[in-house]
Amino acid sequence: MFKEYMTGSTDPVVQAVVRAAADISSGLFSLKEAANFYKVNSNSIVRFMAESAEYDVVFNKRKSDENI
């Protein structure tokens, strides 16, 4: 789902998962609350958040390697 998000998908499910992940990260909802509120599978949210975090690690490493 993260790949679809990065390519600019306007799929409503992708957008709901992105919003759910953001609300969880900001402390607005728990995983269960976000899944229920946005009507998406909690596994999709977890997978999206994991892939997003992995992307951030790789992106930040590349950026720091460029500054050396």
PDB file of N, CA and C in Angstrom:
ATOM      1  N   MET A   1       0.818  -1.189   0.000  1.00  0.00           N
ATOM      2  CA  MET A   1       0.000   0.000   0.000  1.00  0.00           C
ATOM      3  C   MET A   1       0.869   1.263   0.000  1.00  0.00           C
ATOM      4  N   PHE A   2       2.055   1.171   0.620  1.00  0.00           N
ATOM      5  CA  PHE A   2       2.951   2.326   0.650  1.00  0.00           C
ATOM      6  C   PHE A   2       3.383   2.698  -0.767  1.00  0.00           C
ATOM      7  N   LYS A   3       3.633   1.703  -1.597  1.00  0.00           N
ATOM      8  CA  LYS A   3       4.028   1.966  -2.980  1.00  0.00           C
ATOM      9  C   LYS A   3       2.937   2.748  -3.715  1.00  0.00           C
ATOM     10  N   GLU A   4       1.688   2.333  -3.535  1.00  0.00           N
ATOM     11  CA  GLU A   4       0.575   3.028  -4.171  1.00  0.00           C
ATOM     12  C   GLU A   4       0.502   4.478  -3.693  1.00  0.00           C
ATOM     13  N   TYR A   5       0.721   4.668  -2.396  1.00  0.00           N
ATOM     14  CA  TYR A   5       0.716   6.015  -1.828  1.00  0.00           C
ATOM     15  C   TYR A   5       1.823   6.871  -2.455  1.00  0.00           C
ATOM     16  N   MET A   6       3.010   6.313  -2.584  1.00  0.00           N
ATOM     17  CA  MET A   6       4.150   7.057  -3.119  1.00  0.00           C
ATOM     18  C   MET A   6       3.974   7.393  -4.599  1.00  0.00           C
ATOM     19  N   THR A   7       3.181   6.612  -5.302  1.00  0.00           N
ATOM     20  CA  THR A   7       2.959   6.888  -6.719  1.00  0.00           C
ATOM     21  C   THR A   7       1.747   7.796  -6.931  1.00  0.00           C
ATOM     22  N   GLY A   8       1.181   8.305  -5.835  1.00  0.00           N
ATOM     23  CA  GLY A   8       0.093   9.278  -5.943  1.00  0.00           C
ATOM     24  C   GLY A   8      -1.287   8.678  -6.115  1.00  0.00           C
ATOM     25  N   SER A   9      -1.481   7.473  -5.646  1.00  0.00           N
ATOM     26  CA  SER A   9      -2.780   6.817  -5.781  1.00  0.00           C
ATOM     27  C   SER A   9      -3.889   7.630  -5.116  1.00  0.00           C
ATOM     28  N   THR A  10      -5.004   7.701  -5.795  1.00  0.00           N
ATOM     29  CA  THR A  10      -6.175   8.365  -5.222  1.00  0.00           C
ATOM     30  C   THR A  10      -7.214   7.342  -4.755  1.00  0.00           C
ATOM     31  N   ASP A  11      -6.809   6.085  -4.698  1.00  0.00           N
ATOM     32  CA  ASP A  11      -7.698   5.022  -4.224  1.00  0.00           C
ATOM     33  C   ASP A  11      -8.172   5.377  -2.812  1.00  0.00           C
ATOM     34  N   PRO A  12      -9.479   5.348  -2.578  1.00  0.00           N
ATOM     35  CA  PRO A  12     -10.003   5.719  -1.259  1.00  0.00           C
ATOM     36  C   PRO A  12      -9.463   4.869  -0.110  1.00  0.00           C
ATOM     37  N   VAL A  13      -9.200   3.605  -0.367  1.00  0.00           N
ATOM     38  CA  VAL A  13      -8.669   2.730   0.683  1.00  0.00           C
ATOM     39  C   VAL A  13      -7.247   3.163   1.046  1.00  0.00           C
ATOM     40  N   VAL A  14      -6.440   3.462   0.040  1.00  0.00           N
ATOM     41  CA  VAL A  14      -5.071   3.928   0.287  1.00  0.00           C
ATOM     42  C   VAL A  14      -5.115   5.220   1.094  1.00  0.00           C
ATOM     43  N   GLN A  15      -5.956   6.138   0.697  1.00  0.00           N
ATOM     44  CA  GLN A  15      -6.057   7.413   1.402  1.00  0.00           C
ATOM     45  C   GLN A  15      -6.530   7.217   2.845  1.00  0.00           C
ATOM     46  N   ALA A  16      -7.439   6.289   3.065  1.00  0.00           N
ATOM     47  CA  ALA A  16      -7.924   6.002   4.415  1.00  0.00           C
ATOM     48  C   ALA A  16      -6.813   5.423   5.279  1.00  0.00           C
ATOM     49  N   VAL A  17      -6.020   4.528   4.709  1.00  0.00           N
ATOM     50  CA  VAL A  17      -4.903   3.938   5.458  1.00  0.00           C
ATOM     51  C   VAL A  17      -3.881   5.014   5.807  1.00  0.00           C
ATOM     52  N   VAL A  18      -3.589   5.908   4.886  1.00  0.00           N
ATOM     53  CA  VAL A  18      -2.641   6.997   5.139  1.00  0.00           C
ATOM     54  C   VAL A  18      -3.154   7.882   6.280  1.00  0.00           C
ATOM     55  N   ARG A  19      -4.411   8.228   6.230  1.00  0.00           N
ATOM     56  CA  ARG A  19      -4.992   9.068   7.295  1.00  0.00           C
ATOM     57  C   ARG A  19      -4.985   8.342   8.636  1.00  0.00           C
ATOM     58  N   ALA A  20      -5.311   7.062   8.596  1.00  0.00           N
ATOM     59  CA  ALA A  20      -5.306   6.270   9.834  1.00  0.00           C
ATOM     60  C   ALA A  20      -3.902   6.229  10.435  1.00  0.00           C
ATOM     61  N   ALA A  21      -2.900   5.985   9.599  1.00  0.00           N
ATOM     62  CA  ALA A  21      -1.518   5.941  10.087  1.00  0.00           C
ATOM     63  C   ALA A  21      -1.105   7.282  10.681  1.00  0.00           C
ATOM     64  N   ALA A  22      -1.493   8.359  10.038  1.00  0.00           N
ATOM     65  CA  ALA A  22      -1.154   9.693  10.544  1.00  0.00           C
ATOM     66  C   ALA A  22      -1.830   9.951  11.888  1.00  0.00           C
ATOM     67  N   ASP A  23      -3.081   9.555  12.013  1.00  0.00           N
ATOM     68  CA  ASP A  23      -3.806   9.759  13.264  1.00  0.00           C
ATOM     69  C   ASP A  23      -3.231   8.914  14.399  1.00  0.00           C
ATOM     70  N   ILE A  24      -2.760   7.725  14.074  1.00  0.00           N
ATOM     71  CA  ILE A  24      -2.117   6.880  15.087  1.00  0.00           C
ATOM     72  C   ILE A  24      -0.795   7.516  15.507  1.00  0.00           C
ATOM     73  N   SER A  25      -0.013   7.953  14.539  1.00  0.00           N
ATOM     74  CA  SER A  25       1.286   8.567  14.831  1.00  0.00           C
ATOM     75  C   SER A  25       1.148   9.823  15.677  1.00  0.00           C
ATOM     76  N   SER A  26       0.088  10.571  15.457  1.00  0.00           N
ATOM     77  CA  SER A  26      -0.105  11.807  16.220  1.00  0.00           C
ATOM     78  C   SER A  26      -0.763  11.558  17.575  1.00  0.00           C
ATOM     79  N   GLY A  27      -1.141  10.315  17.838  1.00  0.00           N
ATOM     80  CA  GLY A  27      -1.744   9.978  19.123  1.00  0.00           C
ATOM     81  C   GLY A  27      -3.240  10.205  19.197  1.00  0.00           C
ATOM     82  N   LEU A  28      -3.840  10.498  18.068  1.00  0.00           N
ATOM     83  CA  LEU A  28      -5.279  10.749  18.050  1.00  0.00           C
ATOM     84  C   LEU A  28      -6.085   9.467  18.267  1.00  0.00           C
ATOM     85  N   PHE A  29      -5.639   8.368  17.637  1.00  0.00           N
ATOM     86  CA  PHE A  29      -6.326   7.084  17.728  1.00  0.00           C
ATOM     87  C   PHE A  29      -5.355   5.977  18.064  1.00  0.00           C
ATOM     88  N   SER A  30      -5.885   4.914  18.650  1.00  0.00           N
ATOM     89  CA  SER A  30      -5.141   3.661  18.750  1.00  0.00           C
ATOM     90  C   SER A  30      -5.303   2.949  17.408  1.00  0.00           C
ATOM     91  N   LEU A  31      -4.574   1.881  17.205  1.00  0.00           N
ATOM     92  CA  LEU A  31      -4.691   1.119  15.962  1.00  0.00           C
ATOM     93  C   LEU A  31      -6.117   0.627  15.760  1.00  0.00           C
ATOM     94  N   LYS A  32      -6.687   0.064  16.792  1.00  0.00           N
ATOM     95  CA  LYS A  32      -8.052  -0.470  16.692  1.00  0.00           C
ATOM     96  C   LYS A  32      -9.054   0.641  16.390  1.00  0.00           C
ATOM     97  N   GLU A  33      -8.922   1.772  17.074  1.00  0.00           N
ATOM     98  CA  GLU A  33      -9.835   2.895  16.849  1.00  0.00           C
ATOM     99  C   GLU A  33      -9.727   3.419  15.425  1.00  0.00           C
ATOM    100  N   ALA A  34      -8.499   3.551  14.928  1.00  0.00           N
ATOM    101  CA  ALA A  34      -8.291   4.062  13.571  1.00  0.00           C
ATOM    102  C   ALA A  34      -8.864   3.100  12.538  1.00  0.00           C
ATOM    103  N   ALA A  35      -8.625   1.813  12.734  1.00  0.00           N
ATOM    104  CA  ALA A  35      -9.156   0.815  11.797  1.00  0.00           C
ATOM    105  C   ALA A  35     -10.680   0.878  11.752  1.00  0.00           C
ATOM    106  N   ASN A  36     -11.291   1.008  12.907  1.00  0.00           N
ATOM    107  CA  ASN A  36     -12.761   1.098  12.956  1.00  0.00           C
ATOM    108  C   ASN A  36     -13.261   2.410  12.363  1.00  0.00           C
ATOM    109  N   PHE A  37     -12.615   3.508  12.698  1.00  0.00           N
ATOM    110  CA  PHE A  37     -13.071   4.820  12.229  1.00  0.00           C
ATOM    111  C   PHE A  37     -12.971   4.932  10.708  1.00  0.00           C
ATOM    112  N   TYR A  38     -11.835   4.488  10.150  1.00  0.00           N
ATOM    113  CA  TYR A  38     -11.617   4.601   8.701  1.00  0.00           C
ATOM    114  C   TYR A  38     -12.103   3.381   7.923  1.00  0.00           C
ATOM    115  N   LYS A  39     -12.569   2.375   8.658  1.00  0.00           N
ATOM    116  CA  LYS A  39     -13.097   1.150   8.044  1.00  0.00           C
ATOM    117  C   LYS A  39     -12.071   0.481   7.124  1.00  0.00           C
ATOM    118  N   VAL A  40     -10.861   0.303   7.671  1.00  0.00           N
ATOM    119  CA  VAL A  40      -9.791  -0.395   6.956  1.00  0.00           C
ATOM    120  C   VAL A  40      -9.228  -1.475   7.863  1.00  0.00           C
ATOM    121  N   ASN A  41      -8.550  -2.418   7.272  1.00  0.00           N
ATOM    122  CA  ASN A  41      -7.950  -3.520   8.000  1.00  0.00           C
ATOM    123  C   ASN A  41      -6.755  -3.022   8.808  1.00  0.00           C
ATOM    124  N   SER A  42      -6.681  -3.403  10.069  1.00  0.00           N
ATOM    125  CA  SER A  42      -5.575  -2.958  10.915  1.00  0.00           C
ATOM    126  C   SER A  42      -4.231  -3.460  10.391  1.00  0.00           C
ATOM    127  N   ASN A  43      -4.219  -4.633   9.760  1.00  0.00           N
ATOM    128  CA  ASN A  43      -2.963  -5.142   9.184  1.00  0.00           C
ATOM    129  C   ASN A  43      -2.459  -4.234   8.071  1.00  0.00           C
ATOM    130  N   SER A  44      -3.356  -3.655   7.310  1.00  0.00           N
ATOM    131  CA  SER A  44      -2.964  -2.728   6.248  1.00  0.00           C
ATOM    132  C   SER A  44      -2.306  -1.485   6.833  1.00  0.00           C
ATOM    133  N   ILE A  45      -2.840  -1.016   7.943  1.00  0.00           N
ATOM    134  CA  ILE A  45      -2.266   0.161   8.592  1.00  0.00           C
ATOM    135  C   ILE A  45      -0.872  -0.161   9.116  1.00  0.00           C
ATOM    136  N   VAL A  46      -0.738  -1.288   9.791  1.00  0.00           N
ATOM    137  CA  VAL A  46       0.559  -1.692  10.341  1.00  0.00           C
ATOM    138  C   VAL A  46       1.577  -1.868   9.231  1.00  0.00           C
ATOM    139  N   ARG A  47       1.189  -2.532   8.160  1.00  0.00           N
ATOM    140  CA  ARG A  47       2.098  -2.752   7.027  1.00  0.00           C
ATOM    141  C   ARG A  47       2.522  -1.414   6.415  1.00  0.00           C
ATOM    142  N   PHE A  48       1.564  -0.499   6.248  1.00  0.00           N
ATOM    143  CA  PHE A  48       1.875   0.820   5.701  1.00  0.00           C
ATOM    144  C   PHE A  48       2.868   1.555   6.600  1.00  0.00           C
ATOM    145  N   MET A  49       2.617   1.540   7.899  1.00  0.00           N
ATOM    146  CA  MET A  49       3.503   2.241   8.831  1.00  0.00           C
ATOM    147  C   MET A  49       4.906   1.626   8.831  1.00  0.00           C
ATOM    148  N   ALA A  50       4.990   0.315   8.733  1.00  0.00           N
ATOM    149  CA  ALA A  50       6.298  -0.354   8.695  1.00  0.00           C
ATOM    150  C   ALA A  50       7.045  -0.001   7.418  1.00  0.00           C
ATOM    151  N   GLU A  51       6.362  -0.043   6.281  1.00  0.00           N
ATOM    152  CA  GLU A  51       7.002   0.291   5.013  1.00  0.00           C
ATOM    153  C   GLU A  51       7.412   1.761   4.975  1.00  0.00           C
ATOM    154  N   SER A  52       6.608   2.618   5.563  1.00  0.00           N
ATOM    155  CA  SER A  52       6.924   4.035   5.624  1.00  0.00           C
ATOM    156  C   SER A  52       8.177   4.270   6.477  1.00  0.00           C
ATOM    157  N   ALA A  53       8.244   3.602   7.612  1.00  0.00           N
ATOM    158  CA  ALA A  53       9.407   3.736   8.494  1.00  0.00           C
ATOM    159  C   ALA A  53      10.666   3.207   7.808  1.00  0.00           C
ATOM    160  N   GLU A  54      10.539   2.091   7.097  1.00  0.00           N
ATOM    161  CA  GLU A  54      11.677   1.521   6.371  1.00  0.00           C
ATOM    162  C   GLU A  54      12.158   2.488   5.295  1.00  0.00           C
ATOM    163  N   TYR A  55      11.233   3.081   4.583  1.00  0.00           N
ATOM    164  CA  TYR A  55      11.581   4.059   3.557  1.00  0.00           C
ATOM    165  C   TYR A  55      12.329   5.233   4.179  1.00  0.00           C
ATOM    166  N   ASP A  56      11.847   5.716   5.319  1.00  0.00           N
ATOM    167  CA  ASP A  56      12.491   6.844   5.986  1.00  0.00           C
ATOM    168  C   ASP A  56      13.932   6.512   6.374  1.00  0.00           C
ATOM    169  N   VAL A  57      14.162   5.303   6.862  1.00  0.00           N
ATOM    170  CA  VAL A  57      15.515   4.895   7.252  1.00  0.00           C
ATOM    171  C   VAL A  57      16.430   4.892   6.036  1.00  0.00           C
ATOM    172  N   VAL A  58      15.983   4.284   4.952  1.00  0.00           N
ATOM    173  CA  VAL A  58      16.794   4.205   3.732  1.00  0.00           C
ATOM    174  C   VAL A  58      17.028   5.594   3.157  1.00  0.00           C
ATOM    175  N   PHE A  59      15.971   6.402   3.091  1.00  0.00           N
ATOM    176  CA  PHE A  59      16.087   7.748   2.538  1.00  0.00           C
ATOM    177  C   PHE A  59      17.045   8.594   3.369  1.00  0.00           C
ATOM    178  N   ASN A  60      16.921   8.541   4.690  1.00  0.00           N
ATOM    179  CA  ASN A  60      17.798   9.324   5.558  1.00  0.00           C
ATOM    180  C   ASN A  60      19.239   8.850   5.491  1.00  0.00           C
ATOM    181  N   LYS A  61      19.448   7.554   5.328  1.00  0.00           N
ATOM    182  CA  LYS A  61      20.811   7.029   5.193  1.00  0.00           C
ATOM    183  C   LYS A  61      21.438   7.541   3.904  1.00  0.00           C
ATOM    184  N   ARG A  62      20.688   7.476   2.810  1.00  0.00           N
ATOM    185  CA  ARG A  62      21.210   7.980   1.537  1.00  0.00           C
ATOM    186  C   ARG A  62      21.540   9.463   1.632  1.00  0.00           C
ATOM    187  N   LYS A  63      20.669  10.197   2.273  1.00  0.00           N
ATOM    188  CA  LYS A  63      20.874  11.641   2.410  1.00  0.00           C
ATOM    189  C   LYS A  63      22.121  11.927   3.245  1.00  0.00           C
ATOM    190  N   SER A  64      22.316  11.173   4.330  1.00  0.00           N
ATOM    191  CA  SER A  64      23.496  11.407   5.148  1.00  0.00           C
ATOM    192  C   SER A  64      24.765  10.959   4.447  1.00  0.00           C
ATOM    193  N   ASP A  65      24.675   9.906   3.606  1.00  0.00           N
ATOM    194  CA  ASP A  65      25.833   9.461   2.829  1.00  0.00           C
ATOM    195  C   ASP A  65      26.241  10.512   1.806  1.00  0.00           C
ATOM    196  N   GLU A  66      25.269  11.243   1.264  1.00  0.00           N
ATOM    197  CA  GLU A  66      25.565  12.285   0.282  1.00  0.00           C
ATOM    198  C   GLU A  66      26.276  13.466   0.929  1.00  0.00           C
ATOM    199  N   ASN A  67      26.054  13.671   2.217  1.00  0.00           N
ATOM    200  CA  ASN A  67      26.642  14.809   2.912  1.00  0.00           C
ATOM    201  C   ASN A  67      28.052  14.521   3.433  1.00  0.00           C
ATOM    202  N   ILE A  68      28.532  13.323   3.235  1.00  0.00           N
ATOM    203  CA  ILE A  68      29.870  12.971   3.720  1.00  0.00           C
ATOM    204  C   ILE A  68      30.930  13.405   2.711  1.00  0.00           C
TER     205      ILE A  68
END
